[in-house]
Amino acid sequence: MSELLTVSEVADILRVDDTTVRRWVKQGALDAIILPHVNERQAYRIKRETLNKLLSGETELAHA
């Protein structure tokens, strides 16, 4: 099973803001697991495997 990372962890690794990671997820540019939530903000988890593919160049983000 792949390790799951928070939006903040992914943002730190990619050196972008949390908002940027959330936008990529909402746009479908970054695959994420959507968690059930009780707050106003949607909770996401990104698989370490997905991030590794992105960092290795196997996958590209659609910058919009």
PDB file of N, CA and C in Angstrom:
ATOM      1  N   MET A   1       0.844  -1.185   0.000  1.00  0.00           N
ATOM      2  CA  MET A   1       0.000   0.000   0.000  1.00  0.00           C
ATOM      3  C   MET A   1       0.888   1.247   0.000  1.00  0.00           C
ATOM      4  N   SER A   2       0.514   2.196  -0.805  1.00  0.00           N
ATOM      5  CA  SER A   2       1.307   3.423  -0.955  1.00  0.00           C
ATOM      6  C   SER A   2       1.056   4.375   0.218  1.00  0.00           C
ATOM      7  N   GLU A   3       2.110   5.072   0.621  1.00  0.00           N
ATOM      8  CA  GLU A   3       2.001   6.070   1.673  1.00  0.00           C
ATOM      9  C   GLU A   3       1.146   7.229   1.170  1.00  0.00           C
ATOM     10  N   LEU A   4       0.306   7.765   2.047  1.00  0.00           N
ATOM     11  CA  LEU A   4      -0.547   8.891   1.689  1.00  0.00           C
ATOM     12  C   LEU A   4       0.011  10.169   2.305  1.00  0.00           C
ATOM     13  N   LEU A   5       0.095  11.213   1.482  1.00  0.00           N
ATOM     14  CA  LEU A   5       0.643  12.496   1.924  1.00  0.00           C
ATOM     15  C   LEU A   5      -0.469  13.539   2.000  1.00  0.00           C
ATOM     16  N   THR A   6      -0.316  14.454   2.911  1.00  0.00           N
ATOM     17  CA  THR A   6      -1.278  15.553   3.019  1.00  0.00           C
ATOM     18  C   THR A   6      -0.971  16.611   1.956  1.00  0.00           C
ATOM     19  N   VAL A   7      -1.906  17.504   1.760  1.00  0.00           N
ATOM     20  CA  VAL A   7      -1.709  18.618   0.829  1.00  0.00           C
ATOM     21  C   VAL A   7      -0.493  19.442   1.260  1.00  0.00           C
ATOM     22  N   SER A   8      -0.357  19.690   2.545  1.00  0.00           N
ATOM     23  CA  SER A   8       0.772  20.477   3.055  1.00  0.00           C
ATOM     24  C   SER A   8       2.103  19.785   2.799  1.00  0.00           C
ATOM     25  N   GLU A   9       2.154  18.476   2.986  1.00  0.00           N
ATOM     26  CA  GLU A   9       3.387  17.734   2.738  1.00  0.00           C
ATOM     27  C   GLU A   9       3.788  17.810   1.271  1.00  0.00           C
ATOM     28  N   VAL A  10       2.811  17.646   0.393  1.00  0.00           N
ATOM     29  CA  VAL A  10       3.081  17.717  -1.046  1.00  0.00           C
ATOM     30  C   VAL A  10       3.523  19.128  -1.424  1.00  0.00           C
ATOM     31  N   ALA A  11       2.861  20.126  -0.868  1.00  0.00           N
ATOM     32  CA  ALA A  11       3.222  21.521  -1.146  1.00  0.00           C
ATOM     33  C   ALA A  11       4.662  21.799  -0.718  1.00  0.00           C
ATOM     34  N   ASP A  12       5.057  21.298   0.447  1.00  0.00           N
ATOM     35  CA  ASP A  12       6.431  21.489   0.925  1.00  0.00           C
ATOM     36  C   ASP A  12       7.436  20.833  -0.015  1.00  0.00           C
ATOM     37  N   ILE A  13       7.139  19.621  -0.455  1.00  0.00           N
ATOM     38  CA  ILE A  13       8.045  18.885  -1.343  1.00  0.00           C
ATOM     39  C   ILE A  13       8.190  19.598  -2.686  1.00  0.00           C
ATOM     40  N   LEU A  14       7.062  20.081  -3.222  1.00  0.00           N
ATOM     41  CA  LEU A  14       7.072  20.736  -4.532  1.00  0.00           C
ATOM     42  C   LEU A  14       7.418  22.227  -4.443  1.00  0.00           C
ATOM     43  N   ARG A  15       7.537  22.725  -3.214  1.00  0.00           N
ATOM     44  CA  ARG A  15       7.848  24.141  -2.976  1.00  0.00           C
ATOM     45  C   ARG A  15       6.816  25.078  -3.602  1.00  0.00           C
ATOM     46  N   VAL A  16       5.558  24.734  -3.349  1.00  0.00           N
ATOM     47  CA  VAL A  16       4.441  25.577  -3.779  1.00  0.00           C
ATOM     48  C   VAL A  16       3.515  25.773  -2.580  1.00  0.00           C
ATOM     49  N   ASP A  17       2.539  26.620  -2.735  1.00  0.00           N
ATOM     50  CA  ASP A  17       1.565  26.874  -1.688  1.00  0.00           C
ATOM     51  C   ASP A  17       0.528  25.754  -1.640  1.00  0.00           C
ATOM     52  N   ASP A  18      -0.063  25.526  -0.474  1.00  0.00           N
ATOM     53  CA  ASP A  18      -1.134  24.526  -0.330  1.00  0.00           C
ATOM     54  C   ASP A  18      -2.257  24.776  -1.329  1.00  0.00           C
ATOM     55  N   THR A  19      -2.573  26.046  -1.542  1.00  0.00           N
ATOM     56  CA  THR A  19      -3.652  26.420  -2.459  1.00  0.00           C
ATOM     57  C   THR A  19      -3.365  25.924  -3.875  1.00  0.00           C
ATOM     58  N   THR A  20      -2.122  25.963  -4.272  1.00  0.00           N
ATOM     59  CA  THR A  20      -1.724  25.492  -5.601  1.00  0.00           C
ATOM     60  C   THR A  20      -1.977  23.996  -5.727  1.00  0.00           C
ATOM     61  N   VAL A  21      -1.603  23.238  -4.709  1.00  0.00           N
ATOM     62  CA  VAL A  21      -1.824  21.785  -4.741  1.00  0.00           C
ATOM     63  C   VAL A  21      -3.317  21.489  -4.800  1.00  0.00           C
ATOM     64  N   ARG A  22      -4.106  22.185  -3.999  1.00  0.00           N
ATOM     65  CA  ARG A  22      -5.570  21.986  -4.026  1.00  0.00           C
ATOM     66  C   ARG A  22      -6.146  22.314  -5.401  1.00  0.00           C
ATOM     67  N   ARG A  23      -5.642  23.374  -6.025  1.00  0.00           N
ATOM     68  CA  ARG A  23      -6.121  23.755  -7.361  1.00  0.00           C
ATOM     69  C   ARG A  23      -5.798  22.663  -8.367  1.00  0.00           C
ATOM     70  N   TRP A  24      -4.566  22.114  -8.311  1.00  0.00           N
ATOM     71  CA  TRP A  24      -4.188  21.036  -9.228  1.00  0.00           C
ATOM     72  C   TRP A  24      -5.091  19.819  -9.055  1.00  0.00           C
ATOM     73  N   VAL A  25      -5.436  19.511  -7.806  1.00  0.00           N
ATOM     74  CA  VAL A  25      -6.322  18.374  -7.548  1.00  0.00           C
ATOM     75  C   VAL A  25      -7.704  18.651  -8.140  1.00  0.00           C
ATOM     76  N   LYS A  26      -8.247  19.833  -7.865  1.00  0.00           N
ATOM     77  CA  LYS A  26      -9.586  20.190  -8.360  1.00  0.00           C
ATOM     78  C   LYS A  26      -9.638  20.215  -9.885  1.00  0.00           C
ATOM     79  N   GLN A  27      -8.530  20.611 -10.525  1.00  0.00           N
ATOM     80  CA  GLN A  27      -8.476  20.663 -11.990  1.00  0.00           C
ATOM     81  C   GLN A  27      -8.233  19.288 -12.601  1.00  0.00           C
ATOM     82  N   GLY A  28      -7.916  18.300 -11.757  1.00  0.00           N
ATOM     83  CA  GLY A  28      -7.647  16.959 -12.264  1.00  0.00           C
ATOM     84  C   GLY A  28      -6.212  16.766 -12.729  1.00  0.00           C
ATOM     85  N   ALA A  29      -5.352  17.744 -12.474  1.00  0.00           N
ATOM     86  CA  ALA A  29      -3.954  17.652 -12.895  1.00  0.00           C
ATOM     87  C   ALA A  29      -3.128  16.788 -11.951  1.00  0.00           C
ATOM     88  N   LEU A  30      -3.613  16.602 -10.727  1.00  0.00           N
ATOM     89  CA  LEU A  30      -2.913  15.800  -9.730  1.00  0.00           C
ATOM     90  C   LEU A  30      -3.919  14.851  -9.100  1.00  0.00           C
ATOM     91  N   ASP A  31      -3.667  13.548  -9.229  1.00  0.00           N
ATOM     92  CA  ASP A  31      -4.572  12.547  -8.656  1.00  0.00           C
ATOM     93  C   ASP A  31      -4.515  12.591  -7.141  1.00  0.00           C
ATOM     94  N   ALA A  32      -5.681  12.518  -6.522  1.00  0.00           N
ATOM     95  CA  ALA A  32      -5.747  12.526  -5.065  1.00  0.00           C
ATOM     96  C   ALA A  32      -6.941  11.711  -4.598  1.00  0.00           C
ATOM     97  N   ILE A  33      -6.864  11.292  -3.366  1.00  0.00           N
ATOM     98  CA  ILE A  33      -7.968  10.599  -2.715  1.00  0.00           C
ATOM     99  C   ILE A  33      -8.741  11.656  -1.937  1.00  0.00           C
ATOM    100  N   ILE A  34     -10.053  11.669  -2.125  1.00  0.00           N
ATOM    101  CA  ILE A  34     -10.897  12.639  -1.426  1.00  0.00           C
ATOM    102  C   ILE A  34     -11.411  11.967  -0.158  1.00  0.00           C
ATOM    103  N   LEU A  35     -11.151  12.590   0.976  1.00  0.00           N
ATOM    104  CA  LEU A  35     -11.582  12.041   2.257  1.00  0.00           C
ATOM    105  C   LEU A  35     -12.930  12.623   2.656  1.00  0.00           C
ATOM    106  N   PRO A  36     -13.727  11.825   3.386  1.00  0.00           N
ATOM    107  CA  PRO A  36     -14.971  12.388   3.933  1.00  0.00           C
ATOM    108  C   PRO A  36     -14.597  13.545   4.864  1.00  0.00           C
ATOM    109  N   HIS A  37     -15.404  14.584   4.871  1.00  0.00           N
ATOM    110  CA  HIS A  37     -15.061  15.731   5.693  1.00  0.00           C
ATOM    111  C   HIS A  37     -16.288  16.315   6.382  1.00  0.00           C
ATOM    112  N   VAL A  38     -16.024  17.006   7.460  1.00  0.00           N
ATOM    113  CA  VAL A  38     -17.092  17.690   8.189  1.00  0.00           C
ATOM    114  C   VAL A  38     -16.872  19.201   8.156  1.00  0.00           C
ATOM    115  N   ASN A  39     -15.694  19.603   7.761  1.00  0.00           N
ATOM    116  CA  ASN A  39     -15.372  21.033   7.671  1.00  0.00           C
ATOM    117  C   ASN A  39     -15.810  21.576   6.315  1.00  0.00           C
ATOM    118  N   GLU A  40     -15.609  22.871   6.131  1.00  0.00           N
ATOM    119  CA  GLU A  40     -15.906  23.493   4.847  1.00  0.00           C
ATOM    120  C   GLU A  40     -14.886  23.089   3.795  1.00  0.00           C
ATOM    121  N   ARG A  41     -13.637  22.891   4.214  1.00  0.00           N
ATOM    122  CA  ARG A  41     -12.564  22.575   3.272  1.00  0.00           C
ATOM    123  C   ARG A  41     -12.493  21.076   3.006  1.00  0.00           C
ATOM    124  N   GLN A  42     -12.435  20.722   1.738  1.00  0.00           N
ATOM    125  CA  GLN A  42     -12.300  19.319   1.322  1.00  0.00           C
ATOM    126  C   GLN A  42     -10.921  18.801   1.709  1.00  0.00           C
ATOM    127  N   ALA A  43     -10.861  17.576   2.213  1.00  0.00           N
ATOM    128  CA  ALA A  43      -9.581  16.980   2.600  1.00  0.00           C
ATOM    129  C   ALA A  43      -9.114  16.012   1.511  1.00  0.00           C
ATOM    130  N   TYR A  44      -7.843  16.112   1.152  1.00  0.00           N
ATOM    131  CA  TYR A  44      -7.254  15.256   0.125  1.00  0.00           C
ATOM    132  C   TYR A  44      -6.030  14.550   0.678  1.00  0.00           C
ATOM    133  N   ARG A  45      -5.715  13.413   0.079  1.00  0.00           N
ATOM    134  CA  ARG A  45      -4.447  12.734   0.322  1.00  0.00           C
ATOM    135  C   ARG A  45      -3.891  12.344  -1.041  1.00  0.00           C
ATOM    136  N   ILE A  46      -2.607  12.534  -1.196  1.00  0.00           N
ATOM    137  CA  ILE A  46      -1.938  12.217  -2.457  1.00  0.00           C
ATOM    138  C   ILE A  46      -1.003  11.045  -2.198  1.00  0.00           C
ATOM    139  N   LYS A  47      -1.071  10.047  -3.072  1.00  0.00           N
ATOM    140  CA  LYS A  47      -0.208   8.875  -2.910  1.00  0.00           C
ATOM    141  C   LYS A  47       1.243   9.257  -3.161  1.00  0.00           C
ATOM    142  N   ARG A  48       2.138   8.724  -2.334  1.00  0.00           N
ATOM    143  CA  ARG A  48       3.579   8.954  -2.505  1.00  0.00           C
ATOM    144  C   ARG A  48       3.990   8.512  -3.910  1.00  0.00           C
ATOM    145  N   GLU A  49       3.407   7.429  -4.391  1.00  0.00           N
ATOM    146  CA  GLU A  49       3.713   6.901  -5.728  1.00  0.00           C
ATOM    147  C   GLU A  49       3.381   7.933  -6.813  1.00  0.00           C
ATOM    148  N   THR A  50       2.259   8.615  -6.668  1.00  0.00           N
ATOM    149  CA  THR A  50       1.864   9.656  -7.623  1.00  0.00           C
ATOM    150  C   THR A  50       2.874  10.797  -7.617  1.00  0.00           C
ATOM    151  N   LEU A  51       3.285  11.200  -6.428  1.00  0.00           N
ATOM    152  CA  LEU A  51       4.264  12.278  -6.314  1.00  0.00           C
ATOM    153  C   LEU A  51       5.612  11.853  -6.882  1.00  0.00           C
ATOM    154  N   ASN A  52       6.025  10.620  -6.623  1.00  0.00           N
ATOM    155  CA  ASN A  52       7.298  10.125  -7.152  1.00  0.00           C
ATOM    156  C   ASN A  52       7.301  10.125  -8.681  1.00  0.00           C
ATOM    157  N   LYS A  53       6.173   9.740  -9.298  1.00  0.00           N
ATOM    158  CA  LYS A  53       6.069   9.763 -10.761  1.00  0.00           C
ATOM    159  C   LYS A  53       6.189  11.189 -11.283  1.00  0.00           C
ATOM    160  N   LEU A  54       5.571  12.111 -10.575  1.00  0.00           N
ATOM    161  CA  LEU A  54       5.641  13.520 -10.958  1.00  0.00           C
ATOM    162  C   LEU A  54       7.082  14.025 -10.866  1.00  0.00           C
ATOM    163  N   LEU A  55       7.748  13.707  -9.771  1.00  0.00           N
ATOM    164  CA  LEU A  55       9.116  14.175  -9.560  1.00  0.00           C
ATOM    165  C   LEU A  55      10.114  13.529 -10.513  1.00  0.00           C
ATOM    166  N   SER A  56       9.829  12.306 -10.957  1.00  0.00           N
ATOM    167  CA  SER A  56      10.738  11.613 -11.872  1.00  0.00           C
ATOM    168  C   SER A  56      10.508  12.021 -13.331  1.00  0.00           C
ATOM    169  N   GLY A  57       9.443  12.801 -13.572  1.00  0.00           N
ATOM    170  CA  GLY A  57       9.171  13.250 -14.930  1.00  0.00           C
ATOM    171  C   GLY A  57       8.260  12.338 -15.719  1.00  0.00           C
ATOM    172  N   GLU A  58       7.774  11.249 -15.101  1.00  0.00           N
ATOM    173  CA  GLU A  58       6.870  10.330 -15.787  1.00  0.00           C
ATOM    174  C   GLU A  58       5.511  10.975 -16.026  1.00  0.00           C
ATOM    175  N   THR A  59       5.154  11.900 -15.165  1.00  0.00           N
ATOM    176  CA  THR A  59       3.864  12.588 -15.237  1.00  0.00           C
ATOM    177  C   THR A  59       4.140  14.082 -15.204  1.00  0.00           C
ATOM    178  N   GLU A  60       3.315  14.854 -15.919  1.00  0.00           N
ATOM    179  CA  GLU A  60       3.443  16.303 -15.881  1.00  0.00           C
ATOM    180  C   GLU A  60       2.183  16.918 -15.353  1.00  0.00           C
ATOM    181  N   LEU A  61       2.327  18.012 -14.649  1.00  0.00           N
ATOM    182  CA  LEU A  61       1.172  18.778 -14.189  1.00  0.00           C
ATOM    183  C   LEU A  61       0.720  19.702 -15.297  1.00  0.00           C
ATOM    184  N   ALA A  62      -0.577  19.827 -15.434  1.00  0.00           N
ATOM    185  CA  ALA A  62      -1.119  20.799 -16.387  1.00  0.00           C
ATOM    186  C   ALA A  62      -1.229  22.133 -15.657  1.00  0.00           C
ATOM    187  N   HIS A  63      -0.250  23.002 -15.856  1.00  0.00           N
ATOM    188  CA  HIS A  63      -0.278  24.316 -15.194  1.00  0.00           C
ATOM    189  C   HIS A  63      -1.319  25.198 -15.844  1.00  0.00           C
ATOM    190  N   ALA A  64      -2.236  25.633 -15.030  1.00  0.00           N
ATOM    191  CA  ALA A  64      -3.294  26.499 -15.559  1.00  0.00           C
ATOM    192  C   ALA A  64      -3.438  27.731 -14.716  1.00  0.00           C
TER     193      ALA A  64
END
